[in-house]
């Protein structure tokens, strides 16, 4: 996606993939399209594989941005100038959101996995880990070696030592208030 977008002056945003869309794509006028936009989505997918649910399950731009800011905290003008300068950010600038420790939502992820997740979920694309850097991250070194040499038609689930783990967990509503309201079943990648 990032390679293709790099050739476009204007990119049409898929309406059905909010959960994986890089934050910069929600702001009209963004032209910083490169492979780093894909790395945000990789972070969202990593979270979903471990937690068994989408990290940011918004269905509108405002809802999605609200979920992101409530989870990762408000962008800071000294570090995230490209976001804070966008007119679409103005409604969110009125409230200061403090970051929510994601580790509470994915306690089964070890410290290396958590560190990698945070490197994917950086507001500024230039601050995100690249695919090449991610491939050499300590978290991926804990995977069975076979995972790194799968053909496109092979599943990670066929690798010995990798399985899906089913567990019953309290359901947490999508507004991130984390009030248990009902039990739900989830599948999570167990490594």
N, C-alpha and C. Protein backbone atom coordinates (compact mmCIF):
# COMPACT_ATOMS: atom_id res chain seq x y z
N UNK A 1 0.82 -1.18 0.00
CA UNK A 1 0.00 0.00 0.00
C UNK A 1 0.87 1.26 0.00
N UNK A 2 1.86 1.29 0.87
CA UNK A 2 2.73 2.45 0.94
C UNK A 2 3.50 2.67 -0.35
N UNK A 3 3.98 1.60 -0.99
CA UNK A 3 4.70 1.75 -2.24
C UNK A 3 3.80 2.30 -3.33
N UNK A 4 2.58 1.81 -3.38
CA UNK A 4 1.63 2.30 -4.37
C UNK A 4 1.24 3.74 -4.09
N UNK A 5 1.03 4.05 -2.84
CA UNK A 5 0.59 5.40 -2.46
C UNK A 5 1.67 6.42 -2.76
N UNK A 6 2.91 6.03 -2.71
CA UNK A 6 4.00 6.95 -2.98
C UNK A 6 3.93 7.54 -4.37
N UNK A 7 3.23 6.88 -5.28
CA UNK A 7 3.10 7.36 -6.64
C UNK A 7 1.85 8.19 -6.85
N UNK A 8 1.06 8.41 -5.83
CA UNK A 8 -0.22 9.10 -5.97
C UNK A 8 -0.13 10.50 -5.39
N UNK A 9 -0.74 11.44 -6.09
CA UNK A 9 -0.82 12.80 -5.55
C UNK A 9 -1.91 12.86 -4.48
N UNK A 10 -2.96 12.09 -4.68
CA UNK A 10 -4.07 12.06 -3.72
C UNK A 10 -4.48 10.61 -3.54
N UNK A 11 -4.71 10.21 -2.34
CA UNK A 11 -5.04 8.81 -2.08
C UNK A 11 -6.46 8.70 -1.55
N UNK A 12 -7.24 7.82 -2.13
CA UNK A 12 -8.60 7.57 -1.67
C UNK A 12 -8.51 6.63 -0.47
N UNK A 13 -9.21 6.94 0.61
CA UNK A 13 -9.13 6.14 1.83
C UNK A 13 -10.23 5.11 1.86
N UNK A 14 -9.86 3.88 2.07
CA UNK A 14 -10.81 2.77 2.16
C UNK A 14 -11.73 2.98 3.37
N UNK A 15 -13.02 2.94 3.14
CA UNK A 15 -13.97 3.19 4.22
C UNK A 15 -14.09 2.03 5.20
N UNK A 16 -13.72 0.83 4.79
CA UNK A 16 -13.94 -0.34 5.63
C UNK A 16 -12.70 -0.80 6.39
N UNK A 17 -11.63 -0.04 6.36
CA UNK A 17 -10.40 -0.52 7.01
C UNK A 17 -9.86 0.48 8.03
N UNK A 18 -10.75 1.16 8.72
CA UNK A 18 -10.33 2.14 9.72
C UNK A 18 -9.39 1.53 10.76
N UNK A 19 -9.63 0.29 11.15
CA UNK A 19 -8.88 -0.31 12.25
C UNK A 19 -7.38 -0.40 11.99
N UNK A 20 -6.96 -0.35 10.73
CA UNK A 20 -5.55 -0.53 10.40
C UNK A 20 -4.93 0.69 9.73
N UNK A 21 -5.69 1.73 9.56
CA UNK A 21 -5.25 2.90 8.80
C UNK A 21 -4.33 3.79 9.64
N UNK A 22 -3.20 4.15 9.06
CA UNK A 22 -2.26 5.04 9.75
C UNK A 22 -2.91 6.37 10.06
N UNK A 23 -2.57 6.92 11.19
CA UNK A 23 -3.21 8.14 11.66
C UNK A 23 -3.12 9.29 10.67
N UNK A 24 -2.01 9.44 9.99
CA UNK A 24 -1.85 10.53 9.04
C UNK A 24 -2.84 10.51 7.90
N UNK A 25 -3.38 9.34 7.59
CA UNK A 25 -4.33 9.22 6.48
C UNK A 25 -5.71 9.77 6.83
N UNK A 26 -5.95 10.07 8.08
CA UNK A 26 -7.24 10.62 8.49
C UNK A 26 -7.31 12.14 8.33
N UNK A 27 -6.21 12.75 8.01
CA UNK A 27 -6.17 14.21 7.91
C UNK A 27 -6.10 14.64 6.45
N UNK A 28 -7.11 15.38 5.99
CA UNK A 28 -7.10 15.86 4.60
C UNK A 28 -5.83 16.66 4.31
N UNK A 29 -5.29 16.43 3.14
CA UNK A 29 -4.09 17.16 2.74
C UNK A 29 -2.80 16.43 3.03
N UNK A 30 -2.87 15.29 3.71
CA UNK A 30 -1.66 14.53 3.97
C UNK A 30 -1.06 14.05 2.65
N UNK A 31 0.22 14.23 2.50
CA UNK A 31 0.90 13.77 1.29
C UNK A 31 2.12 12.92 1.64
N UNK A 32 2.31 12.62 2.89
CA UNK A 32 3.47 11.85 3.34
C UNK A 32 3.16 10.36 3.24
N UNK A 33 3.06 9.87 2.02
CA UNK A 33 2.75 8.46 1.80
C UNK A 33 4.02 7.70 1.47
N UNK A 34 4.33 6.74 2.28
CA UNK A 34 5.48 5.89 2.06
C UNK A 34 5.19 4.57 2.76
N UNK A 35 6.17 3.70 2.78
CA UNK A 35 5.95 2.38 3.40
C UNK A 35 5.67 2.49 4.89
N UNK A 36 6.02 3.60 5.52
CA UNK A 36 5.76 3.73 6.95
C UNK A 36 4.26 3.74 7.27
N UNK A 37 3.40 4.08 6.29
CA UNK A 37 1.97 4.03 6.58
C UNK A 37 1.52 2.59 6.81
N UNK A 38 2.20 1.65 6.17
CA UNK A 38 1.86 0.24 6.37
C UNK A 38 2.28 -0.25 7.75
N UNK A 39 3.33 0.32 8.30
CA UNK A 39 3.85 -0.15 9.59
C UNK A 39 2.86 0.12 10.72
N UNK A 40 2.09 1.19 10.63
CA UNK A 40 1.03 1.43 11.62
C UNK A 40 0.05 0.26 11.59
N UNK A 41 -0.37 -0.13 10.39
CA UNK A 41 -1.29 -1.25 10.24
C UNK A 41 -0.71 -2.55 10.77
N UNK A 42 0.58 -2.75 10.58
CA UNK A 42 1.24 -3.95 11.11
C UNK A 42 1.13 -3.96 12.63
N UNK A 43 1.32 -2.81 13.25
CA UNK A 43 1.17 -2.73 14.70
C UNK A 43 -0.24 -3.06 15.15
N UNK A 44 -1.23 -2.56 14.41
CA UNK A 44 -2.63 -2.85 14.74
C UNK A 44 -2.92 -4.34 14.59
N UNK A 45 -2.34 -4.96 13.56
CA UNK A 45 -2.54 -6.39 13.34
C UNK A 45 -1.83 -7.19 14.43
N UNK A 46 -0.62 -6.79 14.82
CA UNK A 46 0.09 -7.47 15.90
C UNK A 46 -0.75 -7.46 17.17
N UNK A 47 -1.30 -6.29 17.51
CA UNK A 47 -2.15 -6.20 18.70
C UNK A 47 -3.34 -7.16 18.56
N UNK A 48 -3.98 -7.15 17.41
CA UNK A 48 -5.16 -7.99 17.20
C UNK A 48 -4.82 -9.47 17.29
N UNK A 49 -3.66 -9.86 16.79
CA UNK A 49 -3.25 -11.27 16.87
C UNK A 49 -3.05 -11.70 18.32
N UNK A 50 -2.52 -10.81 19.13
CA UNK A 50 -2.25 -11.15 20.53
C UNK A 50 -3.50 -11.00 21.39
N UNK A 51 -4.26 -9.94 21.17
CA UNK A 51 -5.42 -9.65 22.03
C UNK A 51 -6.70 -10.32 21.55
N UNK A 52 -6.77 -10.67 20.27
CA UNK A 52 -7.98 -11.29 19.75
C UNK A 52 -9.07 -10.29 19.41
N UNK A 53 -8.72 -9.01 19.35
CA UNK A 53 -9.69 -7.96 19.00
C UNK A 53 -8.93 -6.77 18.42
N UNK A 54 -9.66 -5.95 17.69
CA UNK A 54 -9.04 -4.78 17.08
C UNK A 54 -8.64 -3.77 18.16
N UNK A 55 -7.52 -3.12 17.96
CA UNK A 55 -7.06 -2.10 18.89
C UNK A 55 -7.88 -0.83 18.76
N UNK A 56 -8.15 -0.42 17.53
CA UNK A 56 -8.91 0.81 17.26
C UNK A 56 -10.09 0.46 16.35
N UNK A 57 -11.21 0.02 16.91
CA UNK A 57 -12.33 -0.46 16.09
C UNK A 57 -13.31 0.64 15.67
N UNK A 58 -12.83 1.81 15.35
CA UNK A 58 -13.71 2.91 14.96
C UNK A 58 -14.36 2.68 13.61
N UNK A 59 -15.48 3.35 13.39
CA UNK A 59 -16.18 3.22 12.11
C UNK A 59 -16.35 4.56 11.40
N UNK A 60 -15.89 5.64 12.03
CA UNK A 60 -15.87 6.96 11.39
C UNK A 60 -14.52 7.59 11.71
N UNK A 61 -14.18 8.61 10.96
CA UNK A 61 -12.91 9.29 11.20
C UNK A 61 -12.82 9.85 12.62
N UNK A 62 -13.86 10.56 13.06
CA UNK A 62 -13.83 11.14 14.40
C UNK A 62 -13.75 10.07 15.49
N UNK A 63 -14.51 9.00 15.32
CA UNK A 63 -14.48 7.92 16.31
C UNK A 63 -13.09 7.28 16.34
N UNK A 64 -12.52 7.04 15.18
CA UNK A 64 -11.20 6.41 15.10
C UNK A 64 -10.14 7.29 15.75
N UNK A 65 -10.14 8.56 15.42
CA UNK A 65 -9.15 9.47 16.03
C UNK A 65 -9.34 9.55 17.54
N UNK A 66 -10.57 9.58 17.99
CA UNK A 66 -10.83 9.59 19.43
C UNK A 66 -10.28 8.36 20.11
N UNK A 67 -10.47 7.19 19.51
CA UNK A 67 -9.94 5.94 20.07
C UNK A 67 -8.42 5.97 20.12
N UNK A 68 -7.82 6.44 19.06
CA UNK A 68 -6.35 6.51 19.00
C UNK A 68 -5.82 7.45 20.08
N UNK A 69 -6.39 8.64 20.19
CA UNK A 69 -5.90 9.61 21.16
C UNK A 69 -6.15 9.15 22.59
N UNK A 70 -7.29 8.52 22.85
CA UNK A 70 -7.57 8.04 24.21
C UNK A 70 -6.63 6.89 24.59
N UNK A 71 -6.15 6.15 23.61
CA UNK A 71 -5.25 5.04 23.88
C UNK A 71 -3.79 5.47 23.95
N UNK A 72 -3.35 6.23 22.96
CA UNK A 72 -1.93 6.59 22.86
C UNK A 72 -1.61 7.96 23.46
N UNK A 73 -2.64 8.70 23.83
CA UNK A 73 -2.44 10.04 24.37
C UNK A 73 -2.51 11.08 23.27
N UNK A 74 -2.69 12.31 23.67
CA UNK A 74 -2.76 13.42 22.71
C UNK A 74 -1.42 13.63 22.02
N UNK A 75 -1.46 13.92 20.72
CA UNK A 75 -0.21 14.30 20.05
C UNK A 75 0.32 15.59 20.68
N UNK A 76 1.63 15.71 20.75
CA UNK A 76 2.27 16.91 21.31
C UNK A 76 2.79 17.77 20.17
N UNK A 77 2.52 19.04 20.23
CA UNK A 77 2.92 19.94 19.13
C UNK A 77 4.43 19.96 18.92
N UNK A 78 5.21 19.73 19.97
CA UNK A 78 6.67 19.73 19.82
C UNK A 78 7.20 18.46 19.16
N UNK A 79 6.43 17.38 19.18
CA UNK A 79 6.87 16.11 18.60
C UNK A 79 6.04 15.68 17.40
N UNK A 80 4.83 16.17 17.29
CA UNK A 80 3.90 15.72 16.25
C UNK A 80 3.31 16.90 15.49
N UNK A 81 4.17 17.76 15.02
CA UNK A 81 3.73 19.00 14.38
C UNK A 81 2.85 18.76 13.16
N UNK A 82 3.13 17.71 12.39
CA UNK A 82 2.33 17.48 11.18
C UNK A 82 0.89 17.12 11.52
N UNK A 83 0.65 16.50 12.64
CA UNK A 83 -0.71 16.16 13.06
C UNK A 83 -1.37 17.38 13.70
N UNK A 84 -0.69 17.99 14.63
CA UNK A 84 -1.28 19.12 15.38
C UNK A 84 -1.59 20.32 14.49
N UNK A 85 -0.91 20.46 13.37
CA UNK A 85 -1.14 21.60 12.48
C UNK A 85 -2.35 21.40 11.57
N UNK A 86 -2.87 20.20 11.48
CA UNK A 86 -4.00 19.91 10.59
C UNK A 86 -5.30 20.46 11.16
N UNK A 87 -6.11 21.14 10.33
CA UNK A 87 -7.40 21.65 10.79
C UNK A 87 -8.30 20.55 11.36
N UNK A 88 -8.21 19.34 10.83
CA UNK A 88 -9.05 18.24 11.31
C UNK A 88 -8.69 17.83 12.74
N UNK A 89 -7.51 18.23 13.21
CA UNK A 89 -7.11 17.90 14.57
C UNK A 89 -7.71 18.87 15.59
N UNK A 90 -8.11 20.05 15.15
CA UNK A 90 -8.59 21.11 16.06
C UNK A 90 -9.63 20.65 17.07
N UNK A 91 -10.66 19.87 16.69
CA UNK A 91 -11.65 19.45 17.69
C UNK A 91 -11.05 18.59 18.82
N UNK A 92 -9.95 17.90 18.52
CA UNK A 92 -9.34 17.03 19.53
C UNK A 92 -8.33 17.79 20.39
N UNK A 93 -7.87 18.94 19.91
CA UNK A 93 -6.85 19.71 20.62
C UNK A 93 -7.40 20.30 21.91
N UNK A 94 -8.71 20.39 22.04
CA UNK A 94 -9.32 20.99 23.22
C UNK A 94 -9.17 20.12 24.46
N UNK A 95 -8.98 18.83 24.27
CA UNK A 95 -8.88 17.91 25.40
C UNK A 95 -7.52 17.24 25.39
N UNK A 96 -6.93 17.11 26.55
CA UNK A 96 -5.64 16.43 26.67
C UNK A 96 -5.90 15.00 27.12
N UNK A 97 -5.50 14.06 26.29
CA UNK A 97 -5.63 12.65 26.62
C UNK A 97 -4.28 12.13 27.09
N UNK A 98 -4.29 11.38 28.17
CA UNK A 98 -3.06 10.78 28.68
C UNK A 98 -2.98 9.35 28.14
N UNK A 99 -1.77 8.90 27.78
CA UNK A 99 -1.66 7.55 27.21
C UNK A 99 -2.12 6.49 28.20
N UNK A 100 -2.75 5.48 27.66
CA UNK A 100 -3.21 4.33 28.44
C UNK A 100 -2.18 3.22 28.25
N UNK A 101 -1.63 2.65 29.29
CA UNK A 101 -0.64 1.58 29.10
C UNK A 101 -1.26 0.39 28.36
N UNK A 102 -0.85 0.19 27.12
CA UNK A 102 -1.39 -0.91 26.32
C UNK A 102 -1.09 -2.27 26.93
N UNK A 103 -0.05 -2.35 27.71
CA UNK A 103 0.33 -3.64 28.29
C UNK A 103 -0.81 -4.21 29.14
N UNK A 104 -1.65 -3.34 29.69
CA UNK A 104 -2.80 -3.82 30.47
C UNK A 104 -3.79 -4.58 29.59
N UNK A 105 -3.85 -4.23 28.32
CA UNK A 105 -4.78 -4.88 27.41
C UNK A 105 -4.20 -6.17 26.81
N UNK A 106 -2.91 -6.32 26.86
CA UNK A 106 -2.26 -7.50 26.30
C UNK A 106 -1.18 -8.01 27.25
N UNK A 107 -1.56 -8.45 28.44
CA UNK A 107 -0.57 -8.86 29.43
C UNK A 107 0.26 -10.07 29.00
N UNK A 108 -0.22 -10.83 28.03
CA UNK A 108 0.54 -12.01 27.60
C UNK A 108 1.68 -11.66 26.66
N UNK A 109 1.75 -10.42 26.21
CA UNK A 109 2.83 -10.00 25.33
C UNK A 109 4.05 -9.67 26.19
N UNK A 110 5.19 -10.24 25.85
CA UNK A 110 6.39 -9.97 26.65
C UNK A 110 6.92 -8.57 26.36
N UNK A 111 7.95 -8.18 27.10
CA UNK A 111 8.46 -6.81 26.98
C UNK A 111 9.01 -6.52 25.59
N UNK A 112 9.62 -7.51 24.94
CA UNK A 112 10.10 -7.30 23.58
C UNK A 112 8.95 -7.06 22.61
N UNK A 113 7.88 -7.83 22.76
CA UNK A 113 6.71 -7.66 21.90
C UNK A 113 6.05 -6.31 22.13
N UNK A 114 5.97 -5.90 23.38
CA UNK A 114 5.38 -4.61 23.72
C UNK A 114 6.20 -3.47 23.13
N UNK A 115 7.51 -3.58 23.24
CA UNK A 115 8.40 -2.56 22.67
C UNK A 115 8.19 -2.47 21.16
N UNK A 116 8.11 -3.61 20.48
CA UNK A 116 7.90 -3.61 19.03
C UNK A 116 6.55 -2.99 18.68
N UNK A 117 5.52 -3.34 19.42
CA UNK A 117 4.20 -2.77 19.18
C UNK A 117 4.24 -1.24 19.26
N UNK A 118 4.88 -0.71 20.28
CA UNK A 118 4.96 0.74 20.43
C UNK A 118 5.76 1.39 19.30
N UNK A 119 6.76 0.68 18.78
CA UNK A 119 7.53 1.22 17.66
C UNK A 119 6.70 1.29 16.39
N UNK A 120 5.74 0.41 16.24
CA UNK A 120 4.83 0.46 15.09
C UNK A 120 3.82 1.60 15.24
N UNK A 121 3.41 1.89 16.46
CA UNK A 121 2.31 2.82 16.70
C UNK A 121 2.78 4.24 17.03
N UNK A 122 3.79 4.69 16.36
CA UNK A 122 4.26 6.07 16.52
C UNK A 122 3.41 6.99 15.65
N UNK A 123 3.04 8.15 16.18
CA UNK A 123 2.23 9.10 15.43
C UNK A 123 2.89 9.54 14.13
N UNK A 124 4.14 9.90 14.19
CA UNK A 124 4.85 10.37 13.00
C UNK A 124 5.44 9.18 12.26
N UNK A 125 5.18 9.11 10.97
CA UNK A 125 5.68 8.01 10.16
C UNK A 125 7.18 7.85 10.23
N UNK A 126 7.89 8.97 10.25
CA UNK A 126 9.36 8.91 10.29
C UNK A 126 9.88 8.28 11.58
N UNK A 127 9.05 8.24 12.63
CA UNK A 127 9.46 7.67 13.91
C UNK A 127 9.13 6.18 14.02
N UNK A 128 8.34 5.65 13.08
CA UNK A 128 7.95 4.23 13.14
C UNK A 128 9.10 3.33 12.70
N UNK A 129 9.10 2.16 13.25
CA UNK A 129 10.08 1.16 12.86
C UNK A 129 9.80 0.73 11.42
N UNK A 130 10.84 0.47 10.65
CA UNK A 130 10.67 0.01 9.28
C UNK A 130 10.45 -1.51 9.28
N UNK A 131 9.99 -2.02 8.16
CA UNK A 131 9.79 -3.48 8.04
C UNK A 131 11.12 -4.20 8.23
N UNK A 132 12.17 -3.67 7.63
CA UNK A 132 13.50 -4.28 7.74
C UNK A 132 13.97 -4.30 9.19
N UNK A 133 13.80 -3.19 9.89
CA UNK A 133 14.20 -3.13 11.31
C UNK A 133 13.35 -4.09 12.14
N UNK A 134 12.06 -4.15 11.85
CA UNK A 134 11.17 -5.03 12.60
C UNK A 134 11.56 -6.49 12.44
N UNK A 135 12.00 -6.86 11.24
CA UNK A 135 12.39 -8.26 11.00
C UNK A 135 13.58 -8.68 11.86
N UNK A 136 14.34 -7.73 12.34
CA UNK A 136 15.51 -8.03 13.17
C UNK A 136 15.28 -7.71 14.65
N UNK A 137 14.05 -7.38 14.99
CA UNK A 137 13.73 -7.03 16.38
C UNK A 137 13.80 -8.28 17.26
N UNK A 138 14.18 -8.09 18.52
CA UNK A 138 14.31 -9.21 19.46
C UNK A 138 13.03 -10.03 19.60
N UNK A 139 11.87 -9.39 19.51
CA UNK A 139 10.62 -10.12 19.65
C UNK A 139 10.49 -11.20 18.58
N UNK A 140 10.85 -10.89 17.35
CA UNK A 140 10.72 -11.88 16.28
C UNK A 140 11.77 -12.97 16.38
N UNK A 141 12.85 -12.70 17.08
CA UNK A 141 13.87 -13.73 17.28
C UNK A 141 13.38 -14.84 18.19
N UNK A 142 12.29 -14.61 18.92
CA UNK A 142 11.74 -15.64 19.81
C UNK A 142 10.83 -16.61 19.06
N UNK A 143 10.49 -16.30 17.82
CA UNK A 143 9.63 -17.18 17.03
C UNK A 143 10.43 -18.36 16.51
N UNK A 144 9.75 -19.48 16.26
CA UNK A 144 10.47 -20.60 15.65
C UNK A 144 11.09 -20.15 14.32
N UNK A 145 12.32 -20.55 14.03
CA UNK A 145 13.00 -20.09 12.80
C UNK A 145 12.20 -20.34 11.52
N UNK A 146 11.43 -21.40 11.48
CA UNK A 146 10.64 -21.73 10.29
C UNK A 146 9.69 -20.59 9.90
N UNK A 147 9.23 -19.82 10.87
CA UNK A 147 8.30 -18.72 10.60
C UNK A 147 8.91 -17.71 9.63
N UNK A 148 10.20 -17.53 9.68
CA UNK A 148 10.87 -16.52 8.85
C UNK A 148 11.08 -16.96 7.40
N UNK A 149 10.83 -18.22 7.11
CA UNK A 149 11.06 -18.69 5.74
C UNK A 149 9.82 -19.33 5.12
N UNK A 150 8.65 -18.93 5.56
CA UNK A 150 7.41 -19.48 5.00
C UNK A 150 7.20 -18.97 3.57
N UNK A 151 6.67 -19.86 2.74
CA UNK A 151 6.25 -19.43 1.40
C UNK A 151 4.95 -18.67 1.54
N UNK A 152 4.57 -17.93 0.52
CA UNK A 152 3.34 -17.14 0.56
C UNK A 152 2.10 -18.00 0.78
N UNK A 153 2.13 -19.25 0.36
CA UNK A 153 0.96 -20.12 0.49
C UNK A 153 0.97 -20.94 1.78
N UNK A 154 1.95 -20.72 2.66
CA UNK A 154 2.02 -21.44 3.93
C UNK A 154 1.48 -20.58 5.06
N UNK A 155 0.92 -21.24 6.06
CA UNK A 155 0.36 -20.55 7.22
C UNK A 155 1.31 -20.64 8.41
N UNK A 156 1.39 -19.57 9.15
CA UNK A 156 2.17 -19.58 10.39
C UNK A 156 1.61 -20.61 11.36
N UNK A 157 0.31 -20.92 11.21
CA UNK A 157 -0.32 -21.87 12.11
C UNK A 157 0.16 -23.30 11.88
N UNK A 158 0.84 -23.55 10.77
CA UNK A 158 1.37 -24.88 10.48
C UNK A 158 2.76 -25.10 11.08
N UNK A 159 3.32 -24.07 11.65
CA UNK A 159 4.66 -24.16 12.23
C UNK A 159 4.56 -24.74 13.64
N UNK A 160 5.39 -25.74 13.91
CA UNK A 160 5.41 -26.34 15.24
C UNK A 160 5.81 -25.29 16.27
N UNK A 161 5.06 -25.24 17.37
CA UNK A 161 5.32 -24.27 18.42
C UNK A 161 4.44 -23.04 18.35
N UNK A 162 3.62 -22.93 17.31
CA UNK A 162 2.69 -21.81 17.17
C UNK A 162 1.28 -22.36 17.18
N UNK A 163 0.40 -21.78 17.97
CA UNK A 163 -0.98 -22.26 18.04
C UNK A 163 -1.91 -21.12 18.41
N UNK A 164 -3.20 -21.37 18.23
CA UNK A 164 -4.22 -20.43 18.70
C UNK A 164 -4.63 -20.84 20.10
N UNK A 165 -4.77 -19.89 20.96
CA UNK A 165 -5.18 -20.14 22.33
C UNK A 165 -6.56 -19.53 22.51
N UNK A 166 -7.52 -20.30 22.99
CA UNK A 166 -8.86 -19.77 23.26
C UNK A 166 -8.99 -19.54 24.75
N UNK A 167 -9.57 -18.41 25.08
CA UNK A 167 -9.82 -18.12 26.48
C UNK A 167 -11.05 -17.24 26.60
N UNK A 168 -11.69 -17.31 27.73
CA UNK A 168 -12.82 -16.44 27.99
C UNK A 168 -12.30 -15.24 28.76
N UNK A 169 -12.64 -14.07 28.28
CA UNK A 169 -12.17 -12.84 28.91
C UNK A 169 -13.35 -11.91 29.12
N UNK A 170 -13.23 -10.98 30.04
CA UNK A 170 -14.29 -9.98 30.15
C UNK A 170 -14.32 -9.13 28.89
N UNK A 171 -15.50 -8.86 28.39
CA UNK A 171 -15.65 -7.98 27.23
C UNK A 171 -15.36 -6.56 27.66
N UNK A 172 -14.62 -5.85 26.86
CA UNK A 172 -14.32 -4.45 27.15
C UNK A 172 -14.92 -3.63 26.02
N UNK A 173 -15.74 -2.67 26.38
CA UNK A 173 -16.40 -1.91 25.32
C UNK A 173 -15.39 -1.07 24.55
N UNK A 174 -15.77 -0.68 23.36
CA UNK A 174 -14.85 -0.04 22.44
C UNK A 174 -14.56 1.41 22.77
N UNK A 175 -15.19 1.97 23.79
CA UNK A 175 -14.86 3.36 24.11
C UNK A 175 -13.70 3.43 25.09
N UNK A 176 -13.07 2.30 25.34
CA UNK A 176 -11.86 2.20 26.15
C UNK A 176 -12.06 2.63 27.60
N UNK A 177 -13.28 2.55 28.09
CA UNK A 177 -13.49 2.79 29.52
C UNK A 177 -13.22 1.52 30.30
N UNK A 178 -13.19 0.40 29.61
CA UNK A 178 -12.83 -0.90 30.17
C UNK A 178 -13.72 -1.34 31.32
N UNK A 179 -15.00 -1.20 31.12
CA UNK A 179 -15.94 -1.73 32.09
C UNK A 179 -16.36 -3.13 31.63
N UNK A 180 -16.08 -4.18 32.40
CA UNK A 180 -16.53 -5.50 32.00
C UNK A 180 -18.06 -5.52 31.97
N UNK A 181 -18.60 -5.89 30.81
CA UNK A 181 -20.05 -5.93 30.69
C UNK A 181 -20.56 -7.32 30.35
N UNK A 182 -19.76 -8.12 29.70
CA UNK A 182 -20.16 -9.48 29.37
C UNK A 182 -18.92 -10.28 29.00
N UNK A 183 -19.04 -11.58 29.03
CA UNK A 183 -17.92 -12.44 28.65
C UNK A 183 -17.91 -12.59 27.14
N UNK A 184 -16.72 -12.73 26.56
CA UNK A 184 -16.61 -12.99 25.14
C UNK A 184 -15.52 -14.02 24.92
N UNK A 185 -15.54 -14.65 23.75
CA UNK A 185 -14.50 -15.61 23.40
C UNK A 185 -13.55 -14.92 22.44
N UNK A 186 -12.30 -15.20 22.58
CA UNK A 186 -11.35 -14.64 21.63
C UNK A 186 -10.34 -15.71 21.26
N UNK A 187 -9.72 -15.51 20.13
CA UNK A 187 -8.61 -16.35 19.73
C UNK A 187 -7.38 -15.47 19.67
N UNK A 188 -6.31 -15.93 20.26
CA UNK A 188 -5.08 -15.16 20.26
C UNK A 188 -3.95 -16.06 19.79
N UNK A 189 -2.99 -15.47 19.13
CA UNK A 189 -1.83 -16.21 18.70
C UNK A 189 -0.99 -16.53 19.93
N UNK A 190 -0.67 -17.79 20.10
CA UNK A 190 0.16 -18.22 21.23
C UNK A 190 1.47 -18.72 20.68
N UNK A 191 2.55 -18.11 21.11
CA UNK A 191 3.87 -18.48 20.60
C UNK A 191 4.69 -19.02 21.75
